[in-house]
Amino acid sequence: MFSRYSMGWFRQAPGKEREFVAAVSWSG
């Protein structure tokens, strides 16, 4: 149920740990 979930973007560069980029609430 997509509309009940908060969504986020993360990224991982070569040789680095995955890191937070952005997040949005369930409503946007």
PDB file of all heavy atoms in Angstrom:
ATOM      1  N   MET A   1       0.839  -1.185   0.000  1.00  0.00           N
ATOM      2  CA  MET A   1       0.000   0.000   0.000  1.00  0.00           C
ATOM      3  C   MET A   1       0.879   1.242   0.000  1.00  0.00           C
ATOM      4  O   MET A   1       1.184   1.821   1.057  1.00  0.00           O
ATOM      5  CB  MET A   1      -0.938  -0.012   1.195  1.00  0.00           C
ATOM      6  CG  MET A   1      -2.092   0.968   1.076  1.00  0.00           C
ATOM      7  SD  MET A   1      -3.269   0.790   2.433  1.00  0.00           S
ATOM      8  CE  MET A   1      -3.935  -0.823   2.062  1.00  0.00           C
ATOM      9  N   PHE A   2       1.251   1.648  -1.172  1.00  0.00           N
ATOM     10  CA  PHE A   2       2.236   2.713  -1.361  1.00  0.00           C
ATOM     11  C   PHE A   2       1.903   3.967  -0.557  1.00  0.00           C
ATOM     12  O   PHE A   2       2.791   4.574   0.050  1.00  0.00           O
ATOM     13  CB  PHE A   2       2.301   3.040  -2.852  1.00  0.00           C
ATOM     14  CG  PHE A   2       3.275   4.122  -3.217  1.00  0.00           C
ATOM     15  CD1 PHE A   2       4.635   3.850  -3.264  1.00  0.00           C
ATOM     16  CD2 PHE A   2       2.831   5.396  -3.546  1.00  0.00           C
ATOM     17  CE1 PHE A   2       5.542   4.837  -3.610  1.00  0.00           C
ATOM     18  CE2 PHE A   2       3.714   6.390  -3.891  1.00  0.00           C
ATOM     19  CZ  PHE A   2       5.081   6.110  -3.926  1.00  0.00           C
ATOM     20  N   SER A   3       0.651   4.366  -0.541  1.00  0.00           N
ATOM     21  CA  SER A   3       0.276   5.635   0.098  1.00  0.00           C
ATOM     22  C   SER A   3       0.422   5.607   1.608  1.00  0.00           C
ATOM     23  O   SER A   3       0.324   6.657   2.251  1.00  0.00           O
ATOM     24  CB  SER A   3      -1.158   6.003  -0.278  1.00  0.00           C
ATOM     25  OG  SER A   3      -2.044   5.006   0.185  1.00  0.00           O
ATOM     26  N   ARG A   4       0.656   4.452   2.197  1.00  0.00           N
ATOM     27  CA  ARG A   4       0.843   4.350   3.639  1.00  0.00           C
ATOM     28  C   ARG A   4       2.315   4.288   4.023  1.00  0.00           C
ATOM     29  O   ARG A   4       2.645   4.136   5.209  1.00  0.00           O
ATOM     30  CB  ARG A   4       0.130   3.109   4.174  1.00  0.00           C
ATOM     31  CG  ARG A   4      -1.387   3.151   4.031  1.00  0.00           C
ATOM     32  CD  ARG A   4      -2.014   4.299   4.806  1.00  0.00           C
ATOM     33  NE  ARG A   4      -1.670   4.269   6.207  1.00  0.00           N
ATOM     34  CZ  ARG A   4      -2.339   3.584   7.116  1.00  0.00           C
ATOM     35  NH1 ARG A   4      -3.381   2.843   6.764  1.00  0.00           N
ATOM     36  NH2 ARG A   4      -1.982   3.618   8.383  1.00  0.00           N
ATOM     37  N   TYR A   5       3.186   4.412   3.043  1.00  0.00           N
ATOM     38  CA  TYR A   5       4.617   4.314   3.287  1.00  0.00           C
ATOM     39  C   TYR A   5       5.316   5.637   3.010  1.00  0.00           C
ATOM     40  O   TYR A   5       5.036   6.302   1.997  1.00  0.00           O
ATOM     41  CB  TYR A   5       5.240   3.232   2.410  1.00  0.00           C
ATOM     42  CG  TYR A   5       5.017   1.824   2.911  1.00  0.00           C
ATOM     43  CD1 TYR A   5       3.752   1.244   2.850  1.00  0.00           C
ATOM     44  CD2 TYR A   5       6.058   1.090   3.447  1.00  0.00           C
ATOM     45  CE1 TYR A   5       3.538  -0.034   3.324  1.00  0.00           C
ATOM     46  CE2 TYR A   5       5.852  -0.197   3.913  1.00  0.00           C
ATOM     47  CZ  TYR A   5       4.586  -0.747   3.853  1.00  0.00           C
ATOM     48  OH  TYR A   5       4.395  -2.016   4.317  1.00  0.00           O
ATOM     49  N   SER A   6       6.226   5.993   3.880  1.00  0.00           N
ATOM     50  CA  SER A   6       7.160   7.063   3.583  1.00  0.00           C
ATOM     51  C   SER A   6       8.198   6.493   2.627  1.00  0.00           C
ATOM     52  O   SER A   6       8.523   5.308   2.679  1.00  0.00           O
ATOM     53  CB  SER A   6       7.838   7.550   4.861  1.00  0.00           C
ATOM     54  OG  SER A   6       6.877   8.008   5.785  1.00  0.00           O
ATOM     55  N   MET A   7       8.710   7.347   1.753  1.00  0.00           N
ATOM     56  CA  MET A   7       9.661   6.895   0.736  1.00  0.00           C
ATOM     57  C   MET A   7      10.972   7.656   0.849  1.00  0.00           C
ATOM     58  O   MET A   7      10.992   8.828   1.244  1.00  0.00           O
ATOM     59  CB  MET A   7       9.067   7.095  -0.661  1.00  0.00           C
ATOM     60  CG  MET A   7       7.798   6.310  -0.919  1.00  0.00           C
ATOM     61  SD  MET A   7       8.032   4.530  -0.822  1.00  0.00           S
ATOM     62  CE  MET A   7       9.139   4.251  -2.215  1.00  0.00           C
ATOM     63  N   GLY A   8      12.038   6.983   0.482  1.00  0.00           N
ATOM     64  CA  GLY A   8      13.339   7.612   0.549  1.00  0.00           C
ATOM     65  C   GLY A   8      14.225   7.232  -0.615  1.00  0.00           C
ATOM     66  O   GLY A   8      13.970   6.239  -1.306  1.00  0.00           O
ATOM     67  N   TRP A   9      15.238   8.039  -0.829  1.00  0.00           N
ATOM     68  CA  TRP A   9      16.300   7.742  -1.788  1.00  0.00           C
ATOM     69  C   TRP A   9      17.626   7.689  -1.028  1.00  0.00           C
ATOM     70  O   TRP A   9      17.899   8.554  -0.181  1.00  0.00           O
ATOM     71  CB  TRP A   9      16.376   8.809  -2.871  1.00  0.00           C
ATOM     72  CG  TRP A   9      15.286   8.759  -3.881  1.00  0.00           C
ATOM     73  CD1 TRP A   9      14.127   9.479  -3.878  1.00  0.00           C
ATOM     74  CD2 TRP A   9      15.251   7.954  -5.062  1.00  0.00           C
ATOM     75  NE1 TRP A   9      13.364   9.162  -4.985  1.00  0.00           N
ATOM     76  CE2 TRP A   9      14.046   8.235  -5.725  1.00  0.00           C
ATOM     77  CE3 TRP A   9      16.122   7.032  -5.644  1.00  0.00           C
ATOM     78  CZ2 TRP A   9      13.675   7.612  -6.918  1.00  0.00           C
ATOM     79  CZ3 TRP A   9      15.757   6.416  -6.826  1.00  0.00           C
ATOM     80  CH2 TRP A   9      14.553   6.709  -7.456  1.00  0.00           C
ATOM     81  N   PHE A  10      18.420   6.695  -1.353  1.00  0.00           N
ATOM     82  CA  PHE A  10      19.755   6.542  -0.810  1.00  0.00           C
ATOM     83  C   PHE A  10      20.714   6.358  -1.981  1.00  0.00           C
ATOM     84  O   PHE A  10      20.282   6.084  -3.106  1.00  0.00           O
ATOM     85  CB  PHE A  10      19.823   5.311   0.112  1.00  0.00           C
ATOM     86  CG  PHE A  10      19.044   5.460   1.384  1.00  0.00           C
ATOM     87  CD1 PHE A  10      17.660   5.328   1.395  1.00  0.00           C
ATOM     88  CD2 PHE A  10      19.682   5.729   2.581  1.00  0.00           C
ATOM     89  CE1 PHE A  10      16.931   5.476   2.568  1.00  0.00           C
ATOM     90  CE2 PHE A  10      18.972   5.870   3.755  1.00  0.00           C
ATOM     91  CZ  PHE A  10      17.593   5.740   3.754  1.00  0.00           C
ATOM     92  N   ARG A  11      21.996   6.484  -1.723  1.00  0.00           N
ATOM     93  CA  ARG A  11      22.972   6.261  -2.781  1.00  0.00           C
ATOM     94  C   ARG A  11      24.236   5.632  -2.205  1.00  0.00           C
ATOM     95  O   ARG A  11      24.540   5.804  -1.021  1.00  0.00           O
ATOM     96  CB  ARG A  11      23.313   7.567  -3.499  1.00  0.00           C
ATOM     97  CG  ARG A  11      24.054   8.586  -2.662  1.00  0.00           C
ATOM     98  CD  ARG A  11      24.212   9.888  -3.441  1.00  0.00           C
ATOM     99  NE  ARG A  11      24.960  10.881  -2.670  1.00  0.00           N
ATOM    100  CZ  ARG A  11      25.147  12.135  -3.072  1.00  0.00           C
ATOM    101  NH1 ARG A  11      24.634  12.546  -4.241  1.00  0.00           N
ATOM    102  NH2 ARG A  11      25.851  12.974  -2.336  1.00  0.00           N
ATOM    103  N   GLN A  12      24.932   4.921  -3.077  1.00  0.00           N
ATOM    104  CA  GLN A  12      26.188   4.289  -2.682  1.00  0.00           C
ATOM    105  C   GLN A  12      27.215   4.510  -3.776  1.00  0.00           C
ATOM    106  O   GLN A  12      27.045   4.034  -4.906  1.00  0.00           O
ATOM    107  CB  GLN A  12      26.003   2.800  -2.416  1.00  0.00           C
ATOM    108  CG  GLN A  12      27.237   2.142  -1.837  1.00  0.00           C
ATOM    109  CD  GLN A  12      26.961   0.749  -1.319  1.00  0.00           C
ATOM    110  OE1 GLN A  12      25.980   0.103  -1.685  1.00  0.00           O
ATOM    111  NE2 GLN A  12      27.831   0.267  -0.432  1.00  0.00           N
ATOM    112  N   ALA A  13      28.260   5.239  -3.422  1.00  0.00           N
ATOM    113  CA  ALA A  13      29.361   5.486  -4.338  1.00  0.00           C
ATOM    114  C   ALA A  13      30.379   4.356  -4.212  1.00  0.00           C
ATOM    115  O   ALA A  13      30.436   3.678  -3.181  1.00  0.00           O
ATOM    116  CB  ALA A  13      30.003   6.827  -4.020  1.00  0.00           C
ATOM    117  N   PRO A  14      31.195   4.159  -5.234  1.00  0.00           N
ATOM    118  CA  PRO A  14      32.202   3.090  -5.183  1.00  0.00           C
ATOM    119  C   PRO A  14      33.107   3.236  -3.965  1.00  0.00           C
ATOM    120  O   PRO A  14      33.633   4.315  -3.692  1.00  0.00           O
ATOM    121  CB  PRO A  14      32.985   3.295  -6.484  1.00  0.00           C
ATOM    122  CG  PRO A  14      32.029   3.973  -7.396  1.00  0.00           C
ATOM    123  CD  PRO A  14      31.193   4.858  -6.533  1.00  0.00           C
ATOM    124  N   GLY A  15      33.245   2.162  -3.220  1.00  0.00           N
ATOM    125  CA  GLY A  15      34.116   2.161  -2.066  1.00  0.00           C
ATOM    126  C   GLY A  15      33.575   2.851  -0.839  1.00  0.00           C
ATOM    127  O   GLY A  15      34.283   2.997   0.167  1.00  0.00           O
ATOM    128  N   LYS A  16      32.320   3.280  -0.903  1.00  0.00           N
ATOM    129  CA  LYS A  16      31.727   3.994   0.231  1.00  0.00           C
ATOM    130  C   LYS A  16      30.465   3.290   0.705  1.00  0.00           C
ATOM    131  O   LYS A  16      29.889   2.469  -0.001  1.00  0.00           O
ATOM    132  CB  LYS A  16      31.401   5.438  -0.154  1.00  0.00           C
ATOM    133  CG  LYS A  16      32.626   6.279  -0.491  1.00  0.00           C
ATOM    134  CD  LYS A  16      32.246   7.729  -0.693  1.00  0.00           C
ATOM    135  CE  LYS A  16      33.468   8.587  -0.951  1.00  0.00           C
ATOM    136  NZ  LYS A  16      33.107  10.024  -1.122  1.00  0.00           N
ATOM    137  N   GLU A  17      30.051   3.625   1.899  1.00  0.00           N
ATOM    138  CA  GLU A  17      28.817   3.064   2.434  1.00  0.00           C
ATOM    139  C   GLU A  17      27.610   3.778   1.812  1.00  0.00           C
ATOM    140  O   GLU A  17      27.707   4.925   1.379  1.00  0.00           O
ATOM    141  CB  GLU A  17      28.799   3.209   3.957  1.00  0.00           C
ATOM    142  CG  GLU A  17      29.857   2.394   4.663  1.00  0.00           C
ATOM    143  CD  GLU A  17      29.682   2.413   6.168  1.00  0.00           C
ATOM    144  OE1 GLU A  17      28.848   3.204   6.655  1.00  0.00           O
ATOM    145  OE2 GLU A  17      30.380   1.647   6.849  1.00  0.00           O
ATOM    146  N   ARG A  18      26.497   3.082   1.832  1.00  0.00           N
ATOM    147  CA  ARG A  18      25.267   3.681   1.342  1.00  0.00           C
ATOM    148  C   ARG A  18      24.857   4.813   2.277  1.00  0.00           C
ATOM    149  O   ARG A  18      24.930   4.669   3.502  1.00  0.00           O
ATOM    150  CB  ARG A  18      24.179   2.622   1.229  1.00  0.00           C
ATOM    151  CG  ARG A  18      22.936   3.095   0.518  1.00  0.00           C
ATOM    152  CD  ARG A  18      22.108   1.929   0.007  1.00  0.00           C
ATOM    153  NE  ARG A  18      21.737   0.974   1.024  1.00  0.00           N
ATOM    154  CZ  ARG A  18      21.095  -0.157   0.788  1.00  0.00           C
ATOM    155  NH1 ARG A  18      20.750  -0.474  -0.465  1.00  0.00           N
ATOM    156  NH2 ARG A  18      20.796  -0.973   1.768  1.00  0.00           N
ATOM    157  N   GLU A  19      24.387   5.915   1.697  1.00  0.00           N
ATOM    158  CA  GLU A  19      24.042   7.087   2.492  1.00  0.00           C
ATOM    159  C   GLU A  19      22.677   7.623   2.109  1.00  0.00           C
ATOM    160  O   GLU A  19      22.193   7.444   0.996  1.00  0.00           O
ATOM    161  CB  GLU A  19      25.084   8.196   2.317  1.00  0.00           C
ATOM    162  CG  GLU A  19      25.173   8.754   0.905  1.00  0.00           C
ATOM    163  CD  GLU A  19      26.172   9.899   0.772  1.00  0.00           C
ATOM    164  OE1 GLU A  19      26.851  10.230   1.757  1.00  0.00           O
ATOM    165  OE2 GLU A  19      26.248  10.475  -0.337  1.00  0.00           O
ATOM    166  N   PHE A  20      22.081   8.303   3.055  1.00  0.00           N
ATOM    167  CA  PHE A  20      20.782   8.920   2.868  1.00  0.00           C
ATOM    168  C   PHE A  20      20.885  10.099   1.903  1.00  0.00           C
ATOM    169  O   PHE A  20      21.837  10.888   1.953  1.00  0.00           O
ATOM    170  CB  PHE A  20      20.249   9.395   4.219  1.00  0.00           C
ATOM    171  CG  PHE A  20      19.030  10.246   4.126  1.00  0.00           C
ATOM    172  CD1 PHE A  20      17.789   9.688   3.880  1.00  0.00           C
ATOM    173  CD2 PHE A  20      19.114  11.630   4.282  1.00  0.00           C
ATOM    174  CE1 PHE A  20      16.654  10.474   3.797  1.00  0.00           C
ATOM    175  CE2 PHE A  20      17.994  12.427   4.204  1.00  0.00           C
ATOM    176  CZ  PHE A  20      16.753  11.849   3.953  1.00  0.00           C
ATOM    177  N   VAL A  21      19.880  10.246   1.044  1.00  0.00           N
ATOM    178  CA  VAL A  21      19.825  11.369   0.120  1.00  0.00           C
ATOM    179  C   VAL A  21      18.593  12.251   0.413  1.00  0.00           C
ATOM    180  O   VAL A  21      18.724  13.455   0.623  1.00  0.00           O
ATOM    181  CB  VAL A  21      19.769  10.896  -1.346  1.00  0.00           C
ATOM    182  CG1 VAL A  21      19.576  12.080  -2.293  1.00  0.00           C
ATOM    183  CG2 VAL A  21      21.027  10.121  -1.690  1.00  0.00           C
ATOM    184  N   ALA A  22      17.410  11.632   0.411  1.00  0.00           N
ATOM    185  CA  ALA A  22      16.176  12.409   0.582  1.00  0.00           C
ATOM    186  C   ALA A  22      15.053  11.478   1.014  1.00  0.00           C
ATOM    187  O   ALA A  22      15.097  10.273   0.741  1.00  0.00           O
ATOM    188  CB  ALA A  22      15.800  13.117  -0.703  1.00  0.00           C
ATOM    189  N   ALA A  23      14.058  12.049   1.671  1.00  0.00           N
ATOM    190  CA  ALA A  23      12.890  11.280   2.079  1.00  0.00           C
ATOM    191  C   ALA A  23      11.651  12.158   1.995  1.00  0.00           C
ATOM    192  O   ALA A  23      11.738  13.389   2.137  1.00  0.00           O
ATOM    193  CB  ALA A  23      13.058  10.739   3.497  1.00  0.00           C
ATOM    194  N   VAL A  24      10.517  11.519   1.787  1.00  0.00           N
ATOM    195  CA  VAL A  24       9.252  12.240   1.673  1.00  0.00           C
ATOM    196  C   VAL A  24       8.191  11.505   2.480  1.00  0.00           C
ATOM    197  O   VAL A  24       8.208  10.277   2.577  1.00  0.00           O
ATOM    198  CB  VAL A  24       8.846  12.378   0.188  1.00  0.00           C
ATOM    199  CG1 VAL A  24       8.573  11.016  -0.447  1.00  0.00           C
ATOM    200  CG2 VAL A  24       7.657  13.302   0.015  1.00  0.00           C
ATOM    201  N   SER A  25       7.297  12.275   3.060  1.00  0.00           N
ATOM    202  CA  SER A  25       6.223  11.696   3.869  1.00  0.00           C
ATOM    203  C   SER A  25       5.215  10.965   2.984  1.00  0.00           C
ATOM    204  O   SER A  25       5.214  11.099   1.760  1.00  0.00           O
ATOM    205  CB  SER A  25       5.518  12.797   4.647  1.00  0.00           C
ATOM    206  OG  SER A  25       4.925  13.730   3.744  1.00  0.00           O
ATOM    207  N   TRP A  26       4.324  10.213   3.617  1.00  0.00           N
ATOM    208  CA  TRP A  26       3.365   9.412   2.869  1.00  0.00           C
ATOM    209  C   TRP A  26       2.476  10.274   1.980  1.00  0.00           C
ATOM    210  O   TRP A  26       2.069   9.850   0.892  1.00  0.00           O
ATOM    211  CB  TRP A  26       2.496   8.593   3.822  1.00  0.00           C
ATOM    212  CG  TRP A  26       1.630   9.439   4.714  1.00  0.00           C
ATOM    213  CD1 TRP A  26       1.952   9.935   5.945  1.00  0.00           C
ATOM    214  CD2 TRP A  26       0.300   9.907   4.432  1.00  0.00           C
ATOM    215  NE1 TRP A  26       0.915  10.689   6.441  1.00  0.00           N
ATOM    216  CE2 TRP A  26      -0.111  10.678   5.534  1.00  0.00           C
ATOM    217  CE3 TRP A  26      -0.568   9.731   3.365  1.00  0.00           C
ATOM    218  CZ2 TRP A  26      -1.371  11.284   5.589  1.00  0.00           C
ATOM    219  CZ3 TRP A  26      -1.811  10.321   3.412  1.00  0.00           C
ATOM    220  CH2 TRP A  26      -2.201  11.097   4.520  1.00  0.00           C
ATOM    221  N   SER A  27       2.203  11.500   2.410  1.00  0.00           N
ATOM    222  CA  SER A  27       1.319  12.375   1.642  1.00  0.00           C
ATOM    223  C   SER A  27       2.065  13.186   0.597  1.00  0.00           C
ATOM    224  O   SER A  27       1.455  13.761  -0.308  1.00  0.00           O
ATOM    225  CB  SER A  27       0.590  13.330   2.586  1.00  0.00           C
ATOM    226  OG  SER A  27       1.512  14.257   3.141  1.00  0.00           O
ATOM    227  N   GLY A  28       3.384  13.267   0.756  1.00  0.00           N
ATOM    228  CA  GLY A  28       4.167  14.128  -0.120  1.00  0.00           C
ATOM    229  C   GLY A  28       4.279  15.548   0.394  1.00  0.00           C
ATOM    230  O   GLY A  28       4.950  16.377  -0.210  1.00  0.00           O
TER     231      GLY A  28
END
